[in-house]
Amino acid sequence: MGAYASLTSKGQLTIPKDVRDALSLKTGDMIAWTVVDGNLVGTPRNLEFADLAGFLGDPPGGPASLEEIDAAVQDAVGRHVFGDKLRSEKEGDA
């Protein structure tokens, strides 16, 4: 699914209704914006973190901070959207 939105003079975007409906977005929902390889990726944040508590069990590397979790989610979204291209670029930088 794809759609277009215009940026207003105040820097605002209106998310098209088809997209809002597909993502179950409602007024007040947050969207995390990430720039990945020059592309803007918006990820709905309409779940509370508490809704996910215990969903995957104990993490293998021990507890993580919210900042570490957010960074991991942003990285995962980028890899999901752009596939192995990001992984190979990161490995090339190492």
PDB file of N, CA and C in Angstrom:
ATOM      1  N   MET A   1       0.851  -1.164   0.000  1.00  0.00           N
ATOM      2  CA  MET A   1       0.000   0.000   0.000  1.00  0.00           C
ATOM      3  C   MET A   1       0.894   1.224   0.000  1.00  0.00           C
ATOM      4  N   GLY A   2       0.520   2.210  -0.742  1.00  0.00           N
ATOM      5  CA  GLY A   2       1.256   3.466  -0.777  1.00  0.00           C
ATOM      6  C   GLY A   2       0.295   4.616  -0.962  1.00  0.00           C
ATOM      7  N   ALA A   3       0.728   5.788  -0.569  1.00  0.00           N
ATOM      8  CA  ALA A   3      -0.092   6.976  -0.700  1.00  0.00           C
ATOM      9  C   ALA A   3       0.812   8.199  -0.644  1.00  0.00           C
ATOM     10  N   TYR A   4       0.268   9.334  -1.017  1.00  0.00           N
ATOM     11  CA  TYR A   4       1.007  10.581  -0.978  1.00  0.00           C
ATOM     12  C   TYR A   4       0.413  11.501   0.074  1.00  0.00           C
ATOM     13  N   ALA A   5       1.263  12.334   0.670  1.00  0.00           N
ATOM     14  CA  ALA A   5       0.825  13.367   1.605  1.00  0.00           C
ATOM     15  C   ALA A   5       1.681  14.598   1.348  1.00  0.00           C
ATOM     16  N   SER A   6       1.086  15.768   1.509  1.00  0.00           N
ATOM     17  CA  SER A   6       1.815  17.026   1.321  1.00  0.00           C
ATOM     18  C   SER A   6       2.248  17.582   2.667  1.00  0.00           C
ATOM     19  N   LEU A   7       3.440  18.138   2.688  1.00  0.00           N
ATOM     20  CA  LEU A   7       3.972  18.776   3.881  1.00  0.00           C
ATOM     21  C   LEU A   7       3.454  20.208   3.914  1.00  0.00           C
ATOM     22  N   THR A   8       2.837  20.616   5.035  1.00  0.00           N
ATOM     23  CA  THR A   8       2.313  21.975   5.148  1.00  0.00           C
ATOM     24  C   THR A   8       3.429  22.942   5.520  1.00  0.00           C
ATOM     25  N   SER A   9       3.137  24.230   5.487  1.00  0.00           N
ATOM     26  CA  SER A   9       4.121  25.253   5.858  1.00  0.00           C
ATOM     27  C   SER A   9       4.514  25.130   7.330  1.00  0.00           C
ATOM     28  N   LYS A  10       3.683  24.463   8.132  1.00  0.00           N
ATOM     29  CA  LYS A  10       3.994  24.251   9.545  1.00  0.00           C
ATOM     30  C   LYS A  10       4.722  22.929   9.775  1.00  0.00           C
ATOM     31  N   GLY A  11       5.083  22.219   8.706  1.00  0.00           N
ATOM     32  CA  GLY A  11       5.811  20.960   8.833  1.00  0.00           C
ATOM     33  C   GLY A  11       4.929  19.783   9.195  1.00  0.00           C
ATOM     34  N   GLN A  12       3.643  19.875   8.923  1.00  0.00           N
ATOM     35  CA  GLN A  12       2.713  18.814   9.275  1.00  0.00           C
ATOM     36  C   GLN A  12       2.339  17.982   8.055  1.00  0.00           C
ATOM     37  N   LEU A  13       2.064  16.697   8.301  1.00  0.00           N
ATOM     38  CA  LEU A  13       1.588  15.782   7.275  1.00  0.00           C
ATOM     39  C   LEU A  13       0.213  15.266   7.674  1.00  0.00           C
ATOM     40  N   THR A  14      -0.650  15.079   6.704  1.00  0.00           N
ATOM     41  CA  THR A  14      -1.910  14.392   6.956  1.00  0.00           C
ATOM     42  C   THR A  14      -1.768  12.994   6.388  1.00  0.00           C
ATOM     43  N   ILE A  15      -1.918  12.005   7.234  1.00  0.00           N
ATOM     44  CA  ILE A  15      -1.816  10.620   6.781  1.00  0.00           C
ATOM     45  C   ILE A  15      -3.131  10.264   6.108  1.00  0.00           C
ATOM     46  N   PRO A  16      -3.081   9.796   4.860  1.00  0.00           N
ATOM     47  CA  PRO A  16      -4.320   9.469   4.138  1.00  0.00           C
ATOM     48  C   PRO A  16      -5.178   8.454   4.895  1.00  0.00           C
ATOM     49  N   LYS A  17      -6.485   8.596   4.755  1.00  0.00           N
ATOM     50  CA  LYS A  17      -7.442   7.767   5.480  1.00  0.00           C
ATOM     51  C   LYS A  17      -7.206   6.278   5.238  1.00  0.00           C
ATOM     52  N   ASP A  18      -6.929   5.879   4.004  1.00  0.00           N
ATOM     53  CA  ASP A  18      -6.679   4.463   3.708  1.00  0.00           C
ATOM     54  C   ASP A  18      -5.532   3.913   4.556  1.00  0.00           C
ATOM     55  N   VAL A  19      -4.484   4.717   4.707  1.00  0.00           N
ATOM     56  CA  VAL A  19      -3.320   4.300   5.488  1.00  0.00           C
ATOM     57  C   VAL A  19      -3.673   4.261   6.972  1.00  0.00           C
ATOM     58  N   ARG A  20      -4.365   5.299   7.462  1.00  0.00           N
ATOM     59  CA  ARG A  20      -4.781   5.314   8.874  1.00  0.00           C
ATOM     60  C   ARG A  20      -5.637   4.106   9.190  1.00  0.00           C
ATOM     61  N   ASP A  21      -6.571   3.779   8.303  1.00  0.00           N
ATOM     62  CA  ASP A  21      -7.440   2.624   8.529  1.00  0.00           C
ATOM     63  C   ASP A  21      -6.647   1.318   8.535  1.00  0.00           C
ATOM     64  N   ALA A  22      -5.711   1.170   7.592  1.00  0.00           N
ATOM     65  CA  ALA A  22      -4.925  -0.063   7.497  1.00  0.00           C
ATOM     66  C   ALA A  22      -4.074  -0.282   8.743  1.00  0.00           C
ATOM     67  N   LEU A  23      -3.643   0.821   9.376  1.00  0.00           N
ATOM     68  CA  LEU A  23      -2.776   0.729  10.560  1.00  0.00           C
ATOM     69  C   LEU A  23      -3.545   0.910  11.866  1.00  0.00           C
ATOM     70  N   SER A  24      -4.860   1.031  11.772  1.00  0.00           N
ATOM     71  CA  SER A  24      -5.715   1.248  12.951  1.00  0.00           C
ATOM     72  C   SER A  24      -5.279   2.466  13.756  1.00  0.00           C
ATOM     73  N   LEU A  25      -4.873   3.529  13.060  1.00  0.00           N
ATOM     74  CA  LEU A  25      -4.458   4.754  13.720  1.00  0.00           C
ATOM     75  C   LEU A  25      -5.672   5.595  14.078  1.00  0.00           C
ATOM     76  N   LYS A  26      -5.576   6.243  15.226  1.00  0.00           N
ATOM     77  CA  LYS A  26      -6.647   7.147  15.638  1.00  0.00           C
ATOM     78  C   LYS A  26      -6.014   8.422  16.193  1.00  0.00           C
ATOM     79  N   THR A  27      -6.819   9.435  16.380  1.00  0.00           N
ATOM     80  CA  THR A  27      -6.342  10.714  16.884  1.00  0.00           C
ATOM     81  C   THR A  27      -5.545  10.517  18.172  1.00  0.00           C
ATOM     82  N   GLY A  28      -4.381  11.125  18.217  1.00  0.00           N
ATOM     83  CA  GLY A  28      -3.530  11.044  19.408  1.00  0.00           C
ATOM     84  C   GLY A  28      -2.500   9.940  19.373  1.00  0.00           C
ATOM     85  N   ASP A  29      -2.617   8.981  18.437  1.00  0.00           N
ATOM     86  CA  ASP A  29      -1.613   7.922  18.330  1.00  0.00           C
ATOM     87  C   ASP A  29      -0.274   8.532  17.934  1.00  0.00           C
ATOM     88  N   MET A  30       0.797   7.940  18.438  1.00  0.00           N
ATOM     89  CA  MET A  30       2.148   8.407  18.131  1.00  0.00           C
ATOM     90  C   MET A  30       2.729   7.582  16.984  1.00  0.00           C
ATOM     91  N   ILE A  31       3.587   8.233  16.211  1.00  0.00           N
ATOM     92  CA  ILE A  31       4.307   7.562  15.132  1.00  0.00           C
ATOM     93  C   ILE A  31       5.783   7.873  15.323  1.00  0.00           C
ATOM     94  N   ALA A  32       6.606   6.844  15.361  1.00  0.00           N
ATOM     95  CA  ALA A  32       8.054   7.018  15.475  1.00  0.00           C
ATOM     96  C   ALA A  32       8.611   7.191  14.068  1.00  0.00           C
ATOM     97  N   TRP A  33       9.335   8.282  13.844  1.00  0.00           N
ATOM     98  CA  TRP A  33       9.914   8.560  12.531  1.00  0.00           C
ATOM     99  C   TRP A  33      11.401   8.241  12.567  1.00  0.00           C
ATOM    100  N   THR A  34      11.862   7.561  11.548  1.00  0.00           N
ATOM    101  CA  THR A  34      13.260   7.183  11.429  1.00  0.00           C
ATOM    102  C   THR A  34      13.702   7.455   9.997  1.00  0.00           C
ATOM    103  N   VAL A  35      14.911   7.949   9.829  1.00  0.00           N
ATOM    104  CA  VAL A  35      15.485   8.117   8.498  1.00  0.00           C
ATOM    105  C   VAL A  35      16.459   6.974   8.289  1.00  0.00           C
ATOM    106  N   VAL A  36      16.200   6.173   7.257  1.00  0.00           N
ATOM    107  CA  VAL A  36      17.027   5.018   6.948  1.00  0.00           C
ATOM    108  C   VAL A  36      17.463   5.134   5.495  1.00  0.00           C
ATOM    109  N   ASP A  37      18.768   5.290   5.302  1.00  0.00           N
ATOM    110  CA  ASP A  37      19.328   5.368   3.958  1.00  0.00           C
ATOM    111  C   ASP A  37      18.621   6.441   3.125  1.00  0.00           C
ATOM    112  N   GLY A  38      18.334   7.590   3.739  1.00  0.00           N
ATOM    113  CA  GLY A  38      17.709   8.701   3.042  1.00  0.00           C
ATOM    114  C   GLY A  38      16.204   8.572   2.847  1.00  0.00           C
ATOM    115  N   ASN A  39      15.606   7.556   3.446  1.00  0.00           N
ATOM    116  CA  ASN A  39      14.159   7.349   3.339  1.00  0.00           C
ATOM    117  C   ASN A  39      13.512   7.547   4.698  1.00  0.00           C
ATOM    118  N   LEU A  40      12.330   8.159   4.705  1.00  0.00           N
ATOM    119  CA  LEU A  40      11.577   8.375   5.926  1.00  0.00           C
ATOM    120  C   LEU A  40      10.699   7.163   6.196  1.00  0.00           C
ATOM    121  N   VAL A  41      10.844   6.590   7.394  1.00  0.00           N
ATOM    122  CA  VAL A  41      10.058   5.422   7.789  1.00  0.00           C
ATOM    123  C   VAL A  41       9.247   5.806   9.015  1.00  0.00           C
ATOM    124  N   GLY A  42       7.931   5.693   8.918  1.00  0.00           N
ATOM    125  CA  GLY A  42       7.051   5.981  10.049  1.00  0.00           C
ATOM    126  C   GLY A  42       6.507   4.682  10.614  1.00  0.00           C
ATOM    127  N   THR A  43       6.652   4.505  11.923  1.00  0.00           N
ATOM    128  CA  THR A  43       6.186   3.288  12.578  1.00  0.00           C
ATOM    129  C   THR A  43       5.155   3.652  13.628  1.00  0.00           C
ATOM    130  N   PRO A  44       3.932   3.137  13.505  1.00  0.00           N
ATOM    131  CA  PRO A  44       2.915   3.450  14.512  1.00  0.00           C
ATOM    132  C   PRO A  44       3.345   2.980  15.891  1.00  0.00           C
ATOM    133  N   ARG A  45       3.082   3.808  16.873  1.00  0.00           N
ATOM    134  CA  ARG A  45       3.391   3.460  18.260  1.00  0.00           C
ATOM    135  C   ARG A  45       2.073   3.422  19.038  1.00  0.00           C
ATOM    136  N   ASN A  46       1.065   2.750  18.466  1.00  0.00           N
ATOM    137  CA  ASN A  46      -0.252   2.753  19.090  1.00  0.00           C
ATOM    138  C   ASN A  46      -0.441   1.604  20.079  1.00  0.00           C
ATOM    139  N   LEU A  47       0.644   0.931  20.435  1.00  0.00           N
ATOM    140  CA  LEU A  47       0.613  -0.055  21.517  1.00  0.00           C
ATOM    141  C   LEU A  47       1.373   0.520  22.697  1.00  0.00           C
ATOM    142  N   GLU A  48       0.892   0.257  23.876  1.00  0.00           N
ATOM    143  CA  GLU A  48       1.632   0.626  25.082  1.00  0.00           C
ATOM    144  C   GLU A  48       2.708  -0.428  25.308  1.00  0.00           C
ATOM    145  N   PHE A  49       3.856  -0.003  25.789  1.00  0.00           N
ATOM    146  CA  PHE A  49       4.936  -0.945  26.056  1.00  0.00           C
ATOM    147  C   PHE A  49       4.468  -2.031  27.012  1.00  0.00           C
ATOM    148  N   ALA A  50       3.640  -1.652  27.977  1.00  0.00           N
ATOM    149  CA  ALA A  50       3.129  -2.622  28.951  1.00  0.00           C
ATOM    150  C   ALA A  50       2.320  -3.733  28.274  1.00  0.00           C
ATOM    151  N   ASP A  51       1.726  -3.432  27.100  1.00  0.00           N
ATOM    152  CA  ASP A  51       0.969  -4.449  26.370  1.00  0.00           C
ATOM    153  C   ASP A  51       1.871  -5.592  25.901  1.00  0.00           C
ATOM    154  N   LEU A  52       3.157  -5.308  25.754  1.00  0.00           N
ATOM    155  CA  LEU A  52       4.099  -6.302  25.239  1.00  0.00           C
ATOM    156  C   LEU A  52       4.903  -6.991  26.339  1.00  0.00           C
ATOM    157  N   ALA A  53       4.755  -6.540  27.566  1.00  0.00           N
ATOM    158  CA  ALA A  53       5.554  -7.076  28.670  1.00  0.00           C
ATOM    159  C   ALA A  53       5.393  -8.587  28.776  1.00  0.00           C
ATOM    160  N   GLY A  54       6.512  -9.282  28.807  1.00  0.00           N
ATOM    161  CA  GLY A  54       6.503 -10.726  28.954  1.00  0.00           C
ATOM    162  C   GLY A  54       6.172 -11.492  27.693  1.00  0.00           C
ATOM    163  N   PHE A  55       5.925 -10.788  26.614  1.00  0.00           N
ATOM    164  CA  PHE A  55       5.508 -11.432  25.373  1.00  0.00           C
ATOM    165  C   PHE A  55       6.562 -12.408  24.848  1.00  0.00           C
ATOM    166  N   LEU A  56       7.833 -12.038  24.955  1.00  0.00           N
ATOM    167  CA  LEU A  56       8.905 -12.884  24.421  1.00  0.00           C
ATOM    168  C   LEU A  56       9.692 -13.618  25.501  1.00  0.00           C
ATOM    169  N   GLY A  57       9.312 -13.464  26.753  1.00  0.00           N
ATOM    170  CA  GLY A  57      10.070 -14.099  27.828  1.00  0.00           C
ATOM    171  C   GLY A  57      11.287 -13.269  28.192  1.00  0.00           C
ATOM    172  N   ASP A  58      12.196 -13.851  28.959  1.00  0.00           N
ATOM    173  CA  ASP A  58      13.393 -13.134  29.383  1.00  0.00           C
ATOM    174  C   ASP A  58      14.348 -12.962  28.203  1.00  0.00           C
ATOM    175  N   PRO A  59      14.932 -11.747  28.051  1.00  0.00           N
ATOM    176  CA  PRO A  59      15.872 -11.525  26.950  1.00  0.00           C
ATOM    177  C   PRO A  59      17.158 -12.312  27.176  1.00  0.00           C
ATOM    178  N   PRO A  60      17.759 -12.843  26.109  1.00  0.00           N
ATOM    179  CA  PRO A  60      18.974 -13.647  26.251  1.00  0.00           C
ATOM    180  C   PRO A  60      20.163 -12.853  26.778  1.00  0.00           C
ATOM    181  N   GLY A  61      20.211 -11.546  26.500  1.00  0.00           N
ATOM    182  CA  GLY A  61      21.336 -10.732  26.954  1.00  0.00           C
ATOM    183  C   GLY A  61      21.058 -10.020  28.262  1.00  0.00           C
ATOM    184  N   GLY A  62      20.002 -10.373  28.953  1.00  0.00           N
ATOM    185  CA  GLY A  62      19.643  -9.698  30.197  1.00  0.00           C
ATOM    186  C   GLY A  62      18.766  -8.487  29.932  1.00  0.00           C
ATOM    187  N   PRO A  63      18.426  -7.751  30.985  1.00  0.00           N
ATOM    188  CA  PRO A  63      17.543  -6.593  30.846  1.00  0.00           C
ATOM    189  C   PRO A  63      18.143  -5.527  29.940  1.00  0.00           C
ATOM    190  N   ALA A  64      17.266  -4.775  29.258  1.00  0.00           N
ATOM    191  CA  ALA A  64      17.700  -3.690  28.381  1.00  0.00           C
ATOM    192  C   ALA A  64      16.971  -2.416  28.798  1.00  0.00           C
ATOM    193  N   SER A  65      17.615  -1.273  28.574  1.00  0.00           N
ATOM    194  CA  SER A  65      16.977   0.008  28.880  1.00  0.00           C
ATOM    195  C   SER A  65      15.962   0.319  27.786  1.00  0.00           C
ATOM    196  N   LEU A  66      15.056   1.249  28.067  1.00  0.00           N
ATOM    197  CA  LEU A  66      14.081   1.652  27.045  1.00  0.00           C
ATOM    198  C   LEU A  66      14.785   2.232  25.820  1.00  0.00           C
ATOM    199  N   GLU A  67      15.886   2.946  26.032  1.00  0.00           N
ATOM    200  CA  GLU A  67      16.641   3.505  24.910  1.00  0.00           C
ATOM    201  C   GLU A  67      17.207   2.391  24.024  1.00  0.00           C
ATOM    202  N   GLU A  68      17.728   1.339  24.653  1.00  0.00           N
ATOM    203  CA  GLU A  68      18.261   0.201  23.896  1.00  0.00           C
ATOM    204  C   GLU A  68      17.146  -0.507  23.130  1.00  0.00           C
ATOM    205  N   ILE A  69      15.996  -0.630  23.756  1.00  0.00           N
ATOM    206  CA  ILE A  69      14.857  -1.278  23.099  1.00  0.00           C
ATOM    207  C   ILE A  69      14.399  -0.444  21.914  1.00  0.00           C
ATOM    208  N   ASP A  70      14.257   0.887  22.107  1.00  0.00           N
ATOM    209  CA  ASP A  70      13.846   1.759  21.008  1.00  0.00           C
ATOM    210  C   ASP A  70      14.831   1.683  19.844  1.00  0.00           C
ATOM    211  N   ALA A  71      16.135   1.688  20.140  1.00  0.00           N
ATOM    212  CA  ALA A  71      17.147   1.605  19.083  1.00  0.00           C
ATOM    213  C   ALA A  71      17.034   0.281  18.331  1.00  0.00           C
ATOM    214  N   ALA A  72      16.804  -0.806  19.054  1.00  0.00           N
ATOM    215  CA  ALA A  72      16.667  -2.118  18.417  1.00  0.00           C
ATOM    216  C   ALA A  72      15.421  -2.169  17.537  1.00  0.00           C
ATOM    217  N   VAL A  73      14.326  -1.569  18.005  1.00  0.00           N
ATOM    218  CA  VAL A  73      13.091  -1.554  17.210  1.00  0.00           C
ATOM    219  C   VAL A  73      13.297  -0.732  15.943  1.00  0.00           C
ATOM    220  N   GLN A  74      13.923   0.443  16.060  1.00  0.00           N
ATOM    221  CA  GLN A  74      14.171   1.273  14.878  1.00  0.00           C
ATOM    222  C   GLN A  74      15.050   0.541  13.866  1.00  0.00           C
ATOM    223  N   ASP A  75      16.074  -0.135  14.354  1.00  0.00           N
ATOM    224  CA  ASP A  75      16.952  -0.898  13.469  1.00  0.00           C
ATOM    225  C   ASP A  75      16.176  -2.023  12.786  1.00  0.00           C
ATOM    226  N   ALA A  76      15.324  -2.718  13.545  1.00  0.00           N
ATOM    227  CA  ALA A  76      14.538  -3.816  12.979  1.00  0.00           C
ATOM    228  C   ALA A  76      13.564  -3.314  11.927  1.00  0.00           C
ATOM    229  N   VAL A  77      12.955  -2.157  12.166  1.00  0.00           N
ATOM    230  CA  VAL A  77      12.030  -1.575  11.186  1.00  0.00           C
ATOM    231  C   VAL A  77      12.792  -1.257   9.910  1.00  0.00           C
ATOM    232  N   GLY A  78      13.958  -0.647  10.062  1.00  0.00           N
ATOM    233  CA  GLY A  78      14.755  -0.322   8.880  1.00  0.00           C
ATOM    234  C   GLY A  78      15.134  -1.560   8.089  1.00  0.00           C
ATOM    235  N   ARG A  79      15.545  -2.633   8.797  1.00  0.00           N
ATOM    236  CA  ARG A  79      15.906  -3.865   8.097  1.00  0.00           C
ATOM    237  C   ARG A  79      14.688  -4.488   7.431  1.00  0.00           C
ATOM    238  N   HIS A  80      13.538  -4.391   8.079  1.00  0.00           N
ATOM    239  CA  HIS A  80      12.308  -4.941   7.491  1.00  0.00           C
ATOM    240  C   HIS A  80      11.957  -4.198   6.210  1.00  0.00           C
ATOM    241  N   VAL A  81      12.091  -2.872   6.239  1.00  0.00           N
ATOM    242  CA  VAL A  81      11.715  -2.060   5.084  1.00  0.00           C
ATOM    243  C   VAL A  81      12.732  -2.201   3.959  1.00  0.00           C
ATOM    244  N   PHE A  82      14.029  -2.220   4.303  1.00  0.00           N
ATOM    245  CA  PHE A  82      15.063  -2.187   3.266  1.00  0.00           C
ATOM    246  C   PHE A  82      15.834  -3.483   3.114  1.00  0.00           C
ATOM    247  N   GLY A  83      15.473  -4.508   3.850  1.00  0.00           N
ATOM    248  CA  GLY A  83      16.063  -5.832   3.680  1.00  0.00           C
ATOM    249  C   GLY A  83      17.525  -5.894   4.040  1.00  0.00           C
ATOM    250  N   ASP A  84      18.242  -6.751   3.367  1.00  0.00           N
ATOM    251  CA  ASP A  84      19.641  -7.021   3.687  1.00  0.00           C
ATOM    252  C   ASP A  84      20.576  -5.893   3.280  1.00  0.00           C
ATOM    253  N   LYS A  85      20.100  -4.893   2.548  1.00  0.00           N
ATOM    254  CA  LYS A  85      20.959  -3.799   2.119  1.00  0.00           C
ATOM    255  C   LYS A  85      21.610  -3.120   3.319  1.00  0.00           C
ATOM    256  N   LEU A  86      20.824  -2.849   4.386  1.00  0.00           N
ATOM    257  CA  LEU A  86      21.376  -2.209   5.579  1.00  0.00           C
ATOM    258  C   LEU A  86      22.387  -3.104   6.274  1.00  0.00           C
ATOM    259  N   ARG A  87      22.081  -4.382   6.376  1.00  0.00           N
ATOM    260  CA  ARG A  87      22.977  -5.312   7.062  1.00  0.00           C
ATOM    261  C   ARG A  87      24.331  -5.352   6.351  1.00  0.00           C
ATOM    262  N   SER A  88      24.335  -5.443   5.043  1.00  0.00           N
ATOM    263  CA  SER A  88      25.596  -5.534   4.313  1.00  0.00           C
ATOM    264  C   SER A  88      26.363  -4.230   4.396  1.00  0.00           C
ATOM    265  N   GLU A  89      25.679  -3.067   4.424  1.00  0.00           N
ATOM    266  CA  GLU A  89      26.364  -1.797   4.559  1.00  0.00           C
ATOM    267  C   GLU A  89      27.018  -1.685   5.935  1.00  0.00           C
ATOM    268  N   LYS A  90      26.314  -2.115   6.996  1.00  0.00           N
ATOM    269  CA  LYS A  90      26.866  -2.050   8.342  1.00  0.00           C
ATOM    270  C   LYS A  90      28.065  -2.981   8.476  1.00  0.00           C
ATOM    271  N   GLU A  91      27.997  -4.171   7.892  1.00  0.00           N
ATOM    272  CA  GLU A  91      29.111  -5.104   7.966  1.00  0.00           C
ATOM    273  C   GLU A  91      30.314  -4.569   7.218  1.00  0.00           C
ATOM    274  N   GLY A  92      30.081  -3.823   6.134  1.00  0.00           N
ATOM    275  CA  GLY A  92      31.164  -3.241   5.374  1.00  0.00           C
ATOM    276  C   GLY A  92      31.880  -2.136   6.124  1.00  0.00           C
ATOM    277  N   ASP A  93      31.132  -1.444   7.048  1.00  0.00           N
ATOM    278  CA  ASP A  93      31.712  -0.383   7.844  1.00  0.00           C
ATOM    279  C   ASP A  93      32.562  -0.904   8.974  1.00  0.00           C
ATOM    280  N   ALA A  94      32.322  -2.161   9.401  1.00  0.00           N
ATOM    281  CA  ALA A  94      33.023  -2.708  10.571  1.00  0.00           C
ATOM    282  C   ALA A  94      34.464  -3.038  10.262  1.00  0.00           C
TER     283      ALA A  94
END
